[in-house]
Protein backbone atom coordinates (compact mmCIF):
# COMPACT_ATOMS: atom_id res chain seq x y z
CA MET A 1 98.93 -108.62 -186.74
CA LYS A 2 101.72 -109.11 -184.18
CA LYS A 3 103.90 -106.34 -182.77
CA LEU A 4 107.33 -107.36 -181.44
CA LEU A 5 110.56 -105.39 -181.05
CA ASN A 6 108.91 -102.29 -182.57
CA THR A 7 108.12 -104.29 -185.69
CA VAL A 8 104.61 -105.10 -186.90
CA TYR A 9 104.16 -108.45 -188.67
CA ILE A 10 101.13 -108.71 -190.99
CA THR A 11 100.29 -112.32 -191.79
CA THR A 12 96.53 -112.31 -192.45
CA GLU A 13 95.91 -113.03 -196.13
CA GLY A 14 93.79 -110.33 -197.77
CA ALA A 15 94.44 -107.67 -195.13
CA ALA A 16 94.80 -104.04 -196.22
CA LEU A 17 97.24 -101.55 -194.72
CA ARG A 18 96.66 -97.83 -194.93
CA LYS A 19 97.68 -94.51 -193.41
CA ASP A 20 95.31 -92.61 -191.16
CA GLY A 21 96.91 -89.44 -189.82
CA GLU A 22 100.13 -90.54 -188.14
CA ASN A 23 98.96 -94.13 -187.70
CA LEU A 24 99.27 -97.47 -189.44
CA VAL A 25 95.82 -99.04 -189.77
CA ALA A 26 95.18 -102.68 -190.66
CA ASP A 27 91.77 -103.57 -192.14
CA VAL A 28 90.41 -107.08 -192.69
CA ASP A 29 87.22 -107.51 -194.72
CA GLY A 30 86.65 -103.77 -194.58
CA GLU A 31 86.83 -103.57 -190.76
CA GLU A 32 89.61 -101.95 -188.78
CA ARG A 33 91.46 -104.60 -186.78
CA ALA A 34 94.54 -102.75 -185.54
CA ARG A 35 96.02 -99.28 -185.26
CA VAL A 36 99.63 -98.41 -184.35
CA PRO A 37 101.16 -94.90 -184.20
CA PHE A 38 104.12 -94.39 -186.53
CA HIS A 39 106.32 -93.15 -183.69
CA MET A 40 106.14 -96.63 -182.10
CA LEU A 41 107.35 -98.42 -185.22
CA ALA A 42 110.76 -99.23 -186.68
CA SER A 43 109.61 -101.61 -189.41
CA ILE A 44 106.62 -103.40 -190.95
CA VAL A 45 106.95 -106.95 -192.30
CA VAL A 46 104.23 -108.13 -194.70
CA PHE A 47 103.66 -111.80 -195.63
CA GLY A 48 101.91 -112.73 -198.88
CA GLY A 49 98.92 -111.14 -200.58
CA ILE A 50 98.34 -108.01 -198.51
CA TYR A 51 97.42 -104.59 -199.92
CA VAL A 52 99.65 -101.67 -198.93
CA SER A 53 98.40 -98.20 -199.87
CA PRO A 54 100.73 -95.81 -201.74
CA ALA A 55 100.09 -93.19 -199.05
CA LEU A 56 101.35 -95.60 -196.39
CA MET A 57 104.48 -96.38 -198.42
CA ALA A 58 105.26 -92.68 -198.73
CA ALA A 59 104.60 -92.02 -195.04
CA THR A 60 106.74 -94.91 -193.78
CA SER A 61 109.61 -93.91 -196.07
CA ALA A 62 109.45 -90.32 -194.80
CA ALA A 63 109.30 -91.50 -191.18
CA GLY A 64 112.28 -93.85 -191.53
CA ILE A 65 110.11 -96.96 -191.12
CA THR A 66 111.23 -99.92 -193.22
CA LEU A 67 108.53 -101.84 -195.12
CA VAL A 68 109.55 -105.43 -195.94
CA LEU A 69 107.59 -107.53 -198.45
CA LEU A 70 107.80 -111.34 -198.25
CA ASP A 71 105.92 -113.94 -200.28
CA ARG A 72 103.47 -116.45 -198.79
CA GLN A 73 106.32 -118.84 -197.94
CA GLY A 74 108.24 -116.07 -196.19
CA ARG A 75 110.85 -115.60 -198.93
CA PHE A 76 112.25 -112.10 -199.24
CA GLN A 77 110.89 -110.03 -202.14
CA SER A 78 111.78 -106.41 -201.47
CA ARG A 79 112.42 -103.74 -198.86
CA ILE A 80 110.95 -100.25 -199.19
CA GLU A 81 112.68 -97.50 -197.23
CA GLY A 82 113.63 -93.87 -197.43
CA PRO A 83 117.20 -92.56 -197.36
CA VAL A 84 119.32 -95.25 -195.71
CA THR A 85 121.15 -94.17 -192.57
CA GLY A 86 121.77 -97.37 -190.66
CA ASN A 87 122.26 -100.37 -192.95
CA VAL A 88 125.78 -99.42 -194.01
CA LEU A 89 126.88 -99.02 -190.41
CA LEU A 90 125.14 -102.27 -189.45
CA ARG A 91 126.89 -104.20 -192.20
CA ARG A 92 130.25 -102.69 -191.32
CA ALA A 93 129.69 -103.85 -187.74
CA GLN A 94 128.73 -107.29 -189.06
CA TYR A 95 131.87 -107.57 -191.20
CA LYS A 96 134.05 -106.44 -188.29
CA ALA A 97 132.43 -108.95 -185.92
CA SER A 98 132.96 -111.75 -188.45
CA ASP A 99 136.74 -111.36 -187.97
CA ALA A 100 136.43 -112.24 -184.25
CA PRO A 101 133.06 -113.97 -183.88
CA ILE A 102 133.73 -116.17 -180.84
CA GLU A 103 130.99 -114.86 -178.53
CA ILE A 104 128.32 -114.93 -181.23
CA VAL A 105 129.42 -118.44 -182.20
CA ARG A 106 129.28 -119.47 -178.53
CA SER A 107 125.67 -118.28 -178.27
CA ILE A 108 124.63 -120.05 -181.47
CA VAL A 109 126.27 -123.33 -180.42
CA ILE A 110 124.69 -123.19 -176.94
CA GLY A 111 121.27 -122.55 -178.47
CA LYS A 112 121.58 -125.37 -180.97
CA VAL A 113 122.87 -128.00 -178.53
CA MET A 114 120.32 -127.08 -175.86
CA ASN A 115 117.53 -127.42 -178.40
CA GLN A 116 118.89 -130.76 -179.64
CA ARG A 117 118.92 -131.99 -176.05
CA SER A 118 115.35 -130.73 -175.56
CA VAL A 119 114.18 -132.70 -178.61
CA LEU A 120 115.68 -135.90 -177.20
CA MET A 121 114.24 -135.31 -173.72
CA ARG A 122 110.80 -134.55 -175.18
CA SER A 123 110.94 -137.80 -177.13
CA LEU A 124 111.75 -139.70 -173.93
CA ARG A 125 108.73 -138.13 -172.25
CA ASP A 126 106.43 -138.84 -175.21
CA TYR A 127 107.55 -142.37 -176.09
CA GLY A 128 109.69 -143.52 -173.16
CA ASP A 129 107.40 -146.44 -172.32
CA GLU A 130 107.59 -147.72 -175.91
CA TYR A 131 111.38 -147.71 -176.20
CA ALA A 132 113.45 -150.84 -175.80
CA PRO A 133 115.55 -150.50 -172.62
CA ASN A 134 118.80 -150.21 -174.55
CA ASP A 135 117.38 -147.54 -176.86
CA SER A 136 116.12 -145.50 -173.93
CA LEU A 137 119.46 -145.82 -172.17
CA SER A 138 121.29 -144.69 -175.32
CA ILE A 139 119.17 -141.54 -175.55
CA VAL A 140 119.69 -140.76 -171.85
CA LYS A 141 123.46 -141.13 -172.24
CA VAL A 142 123.47 -138.77 -175.21
CA THR A 143 121.46 -136.13 -173.30
CA GLU A 144 124.04 -136.35 -170.49
CA ARG A 145 126.94 -135.92 -172.92
CA LEU A 146 125.18 -132.99 -174.60
CA ALA A 147 124.77 -131.37 -171.17
CA ARG A 148 128.54 -131.68 -170.64
CA ILE A 149 129.20 -130.09 -174.03
CA ILE A 150 126.88 -127.18 -173.12
CA ARG A 151 128.76 -126.61 -169.86
CA ARG A 152 132.10 -126.78 -171.64
CA VAL A 153 131.03 -124.29 -174.31
CA LYS A 154 129.63 -121.90 -171.69
CA LEU A 155 132.66 -121.92 -169.41
CA SER A 156 135.68 -122.59 -171.61
CA ASP A 157 138.04 -120.18 -173.33
CA ASP A 158 137.86 -122.18 -176.55
CA THR A 159 138.77 -120.68 -179.89
CA THR A 160 136.15 -120.28 -182.60
CA ASP A 161 137.42 -123.43 -184.33
CA MET A 162 137.15 -125.38 -181.06
CA LEU A 163 133.56 -124.17 -180.65
CA ARG A 164 132.85 -125.35 -184.19
CA GLY A 165 134.32 -128.70 -183.17
CA SER A 166 132.00 -128.87 -180.15
CA GLU A 167 129.03 -128.16 -182.43
CA GLY A 168 130.09 -130.99 -184.72
CA GLU A 169 130.60 -133.35 -181.78
CA ALA A 170 127.12 -132.56 -180.47
CA ALA A 171 125.56 -133.10 -183.91
CA GLY A 172 127.26 -136.50 -184.17
CA LEU A 173 125.89 -137.55 -180.78
CA TYR A 174 122.41 -136.25 -181.52
CA PHE A 175 122.11 -138.04 -184.84
CA SER A 176 123.62 -141.25 -183.41
CA VAL A 177 120.30 -141.88 -181.64
CA PHE A 178 118.00 -140.20 -184.17
CA ASP A 179 116.77 -143.55 -185.49
CA HIS A 180 115.40 -144.38 -182.02
CA LEU A 181 113.08 -141.37 -182.30
CA ILE A 182 111.39 -142.65 -185.48
CA ARG A 183 108.28 -144.71 -184.64
CA SER A 184 107.09 -145.47 -188.19
CA PRO A 185 106.18 -149.11 -188.96
CA ASP A 186 107.80 -148.84 -192.41
CA PRO A 187 111.32 -150.35 -192.34
CA GLU A 188 112.36 -148.03 -195.20
CA LEU A 189 111.79 -145.01 -192.95
CA CYS A 190 114.86 -145.46 -190.81
CA TRP A 191 117.92 -143.36 -190.08
CA THR A 192 121.38 -144.59 -191.00
CA GLY A 193 123.24 -141.27 -191.16
CA ARG A 194 123.14 -137.88 -192.83
CA SER A 195 123.30 -137.77 -196.63
CA ARG A 196 122.71 -134.77 -198.88
CA ARG A 197 123.22 -133.55 -202.44
CA PRO A 198 121.46 -135.88 -203.07
CA PRO A 199 119.66 -137.43 -200.08
CA LEU A 200 119.91 -141.20 -200.30
CA ASP A 201 117.00 -142.26 -198.10
CA PRO A 202 113.48 -140.98 -197.29
CA VAL A 203 114.32 -139.44 -193.90
CA ASN A 204 117.21 -137.46 -195.36
CA ALA A 205 114.99 -136.34 -198.25
CA LEU A 206 112.42 -135.05 -195.74
CA LEU A 207 115.01 -133.30 -193.57
CA SER A 208 116.72 -131.69 -196.56
CA PHE A 209 113.41 -130.30 -197.78
CA LEU A 210 112.59 -128.85 -194.35
CA TYR A 211 116.09 -127.43 -193.97
CA THR A 212 115.68 -125.69 -197.33
CA LEU A 213 112.42 -124.09 -196.17
CA LEU A 214 114.04 -122.94 -192.93
CA THR A 215 117.05 -121.53 -194.77
CA HIS A 216 114.73 -119.43 -196.95
CA ASP A 217 113.04 -118.02 -193.84
CA CYS A 218 116.36 -117.22 -192.18
CA ARG A 219 117.75 -115.58 -195.31
CA SER A 220 114.63 -113.41 -195.58
CA ALA A 221 114.97 -112.52 -191.91
CA CYS A 222 118.56 -111.35 -192.41
CA GLU A 223 117.65 -109.24 -195.43
CA SER A 224 114.60 -107.78 -193.70
CA VAL A 225 116.75 -106.11 -191.02
CA GLY A 226 119.58 -105.11 -193.36
CA LEU A 227 122.11 -107.83 -192.52
CA ASP A 228 124.25 -109.44 -195.20
CA PRO A 229 123.08 -113.07 -195.36
CA ALA A 230 126.38 -114.18 -196.94
CA VAL A 231 128.63 -113.14 -194.04
CA GLY A 232 128.29 -115.51 -191.11
CA PHE A 233 130.03 -116.38 -187.87
CA LEU A 234 129.69 -120.12 -187.23
CA HIS A 235 129.67 -121.01 -190.94
CA ARG A 236 132.67 -119.92 -192.94
CA GLU A 237 132.05 -117.81 -196.02
CA ARG A 238 131.95 -119.46 -199.42
CA PRO A 239 130.79 -118.05 -202.77
CA GLY A 240 127.02 -118.38 -203.07
CA ARG A 241 126.59 -119.66 -199.52
CA PRO A 242 124.14 -117.78 -197.21
CA SER A 243 126.41 -118.29 -194.19
CA LEU A 244 124.55 -115.97 -191.81
CA ALA A 245 121.21 -117.54 -192.73
CA LEU A 246 122.72 -120.95 -191.94
CA ASP A 247 123.96 -119.58 -188.60
CA LEU A 248 120.48 -118.40 -187.60
CA MET A 249 119.02 -121.67 -188.76
CA GLU A 250 121.17 -123.81 -186.46
CA GLU A 251 119.43 -123.02 -183.19
CA MET A 252 115.98 -123.47 -184.81
CA ARG A 253 116.77 -126.58 -186.83
CA PRO A 254 116.11 -129.21 -184.09
CA VAL A 255 112.70 -127.76 -183.23
CA MET A 256 111.41 -126.34 -186.51
CA ALA A 257 112.66 -129.08 -188.85
CA ASP A 258 113.72 -132.22 -186.96
CA ARG A 259 110.69 -132.37 -184.67
CA LEU A 260 108.32 -131.67 -187.56
CA ALA A 261 109.92 -134.49 -189.57
CA LEU A 262 109.52 -136.85 -186.62
CA SER A 263 105.89 -135.82 -186.16
CA LEU A 264 105.07 -136.46 -189.81
CA LEU A 265 106.70 -139.89 -189.71
CA ASN A 266 105.46 -140.96 -186.28
CA ARG A 267 101.88 -139.87 -186.98
CA ARG A 268 102.09 -141.80 -190.27
CA GLN A 269 101.25 -138.73 -192.33
CA LEU A 270 104.17 -139.79 -194.52
CA ARG A 271 104.80 -143.41 -195.45
CA ALA A 272 107.43 -145.19 -197.49
CA GLY A 273 105.26 -144.94 -200.62
CA ASP A 274 105.49 -141.15 -200.50
CA PHE A 275 109.13 -141.27 -201.61
CA GLU A 276 110.64 -142.10 -204.99
CA ILE A 277 114.12 -143.33 -205.92
CA ARG A 278 115.55 -141.49 -208.91
CA ASP A 279 118.49 -142.27 -211.19
CA GLY A 280 121.75 -142.32 -209.28
CA GLY A 281 120.07 -143.34 -206.03
CA ALA A 282 118.66 -139.94 -205.08
CA VAL A 283 115.46 -140.15 -203.04
CA MET A 284 112.76 -137.52 -203.59
CA MET A 285 109.32 -136.87 -202.14
CA SER A 286 106.26 -137.21 -204.33
CA ASP A 287 104.24 -134.11 -205.21
CA GLU A 288 101.51 -135.09 -202.75
CA ALA A 289 104.08 -135.65 -200.00
CA ARG A 290 105.53 -132.19 -200.58
CA LYS A 291 102.04 -130.70 -200.25
CA THR A 292 101.59 -132.56 -196.97
CA VAL A 293 104.91 -131.25 -195.66
CA LEU A 294 104.23 -127.68 -196.77
CA THR A 295 100.82 -127.68 -195.08
CA ALA A 296 102.33 -129.03 -191.86
CA TRP A 297 105.17 -126.49 -192.11
CA GLN A 298 102.77 -123.56 -192.35
CA GLU A 299 100.68 -124.91 -189.48
CA ARG A 300 103.76 -125.40 -187.30
CA LYS A 301 104.82 -121.80 -187.93
CA LYS A 302 101.49 -120.60 -186.49
CA GLU A 303 102.14 -122.27 -183.14
CA GLU A 304 103.03 -119.78 -180.43
CA ARG A 305 105.77 -120.19 -177.83
CA LEU A 306 107.09 -117.91 -175.12
CA HIS A 307 110.28 -116.25 -176.31
CA PRO A 308 112.65 -116.69 -173.34
CA PHE A 309 114.49 -113.41 -173.88
CA LEU A 310 111.59 -111.16 -174.88
CA GLU A 311 109.22 -112.85 -172.42
CA GLU A 312 106.44 -112.54 -175.00
CA ARG A 313 104.56 -115.21 -176.88
CA ALA A 314 105.33 -115.27 -180.60
CA PRO A 315 104.51 -117.63 -183.50
CA LEU A 316 107.33 -120.01 -184.41
CA GLY A 317 107.26 -118.52 -187.90
CA LEU A 318 108.49 -115.19 -186.55
CA VAL A 319 111.39 -116.57 -184.52
CA ALA A 320 113.89 -116.15 -187.36
CA TYR A 321 112.91 -112.50 -187.77
CA LEU A 322 113.13 -111.83 -184.04
CA GLN A 323 116.54 -113.46 -183.83
CA ALA A 324 117.80 -111.45 -186.82
CA GLN A 325 116.61 -108.26 -185.14
CA MET A 326 118.36 -109.12 -181.87
CA LEU A 327 121.55 -109.98 -183.72
CA ALA A 328 121.37 -106.61 -185.47
CA ARG A 329 120.83 -104.89 -182.12
CA HIS A 330 123.82 -106.69 -180.65
CA LEU A 331 126.00 -105.67 -183.59
CA ARG A 332 124.87 -102.06 -183.17
CA GLY A 333 125.80 -102.19 -179.47
CA ASP A 334 122.23 -102.09 -178.10
CA LEU A 335 122.54 -105.60 -176.58
CA ASP A 336 125.60 -106.84 -174.71
CA ALA A 337 125.34 -110.30 -176.27
CA TYR A 338 123.32 -112.17 -178.86
CA PRO A 339 120.63 -114.17 -176.99
CA PRO A 340 119.97 -117.56 -178.62
CA TRP A 341 116.43 -118.87 -178.98
CA LEU A 342 115.75 -121.75 -176.62
CA TRP A 343 112.80 -124.09 -176.99
CA LYS A 344 110.92 -124.92 -173.81
């Protein structure tokens, strides 16, 4: 059980939650493991197969504490709450901010580009001695150009569209050297450019699968705090598109998805034979490869990092939920700005 931002996250499979007086109690294997007074809680987020007593549901609803149920993969299932007093106001603030989103977009772009740069710099530290001189020089030049983009985004009076252009420019630079980061001996596992719907090579198939998993987590995070996942800031709204979930995903994508993909390829946990070419040229992972990726995904989400804004250690799997909460607090006026998540 992890308590952050007045929210308790229950991730231990088979745990049982109950009410004891004015306290939330978490039991594991019949033994009490944690106890939190209701007055210290704003919400409870439950992952997977965890028992929640009816008495606790009634007590949290009466106390204005939101109970969010997610499945084992972190996909949103339901939210249990009493009479709603804040979600309507939060969503109205979200819709209003979407008409003039420049400062939120600026934060998201800064977070994404800084994390892309960190991925490249980490790769130089990990594999710098193995790179050909020209490859190493190319990566260094891209990190320098990304640093200039970060400074420009921080200091300029750009419009929202110009910030979107900076994000696209940074993505182009980042992926221009992505192939240098892949250390697999299989020539088929190379990067030639982004392709989707369908992915046309194994690396794109792997990235698309990981991006889908991350989008699910970010959508669940938005819904868990009462935000509308369809109304974003960086991504324009389209029917059926979870624009806000895609916004939250951007700053996490280089670390949560790209680095995991590189780890799986460079450690040779995935090889060329784990991918299949379907009719029309689409490339898909085999069933066994998907199991390998899902296992690695769940393990990666357990890793803890210091959250630079909260100054607390938190599992990577909770970052989306923390960021959604801070965005909600910013929209309500409790935070002056939305603080992006930065990987260090």
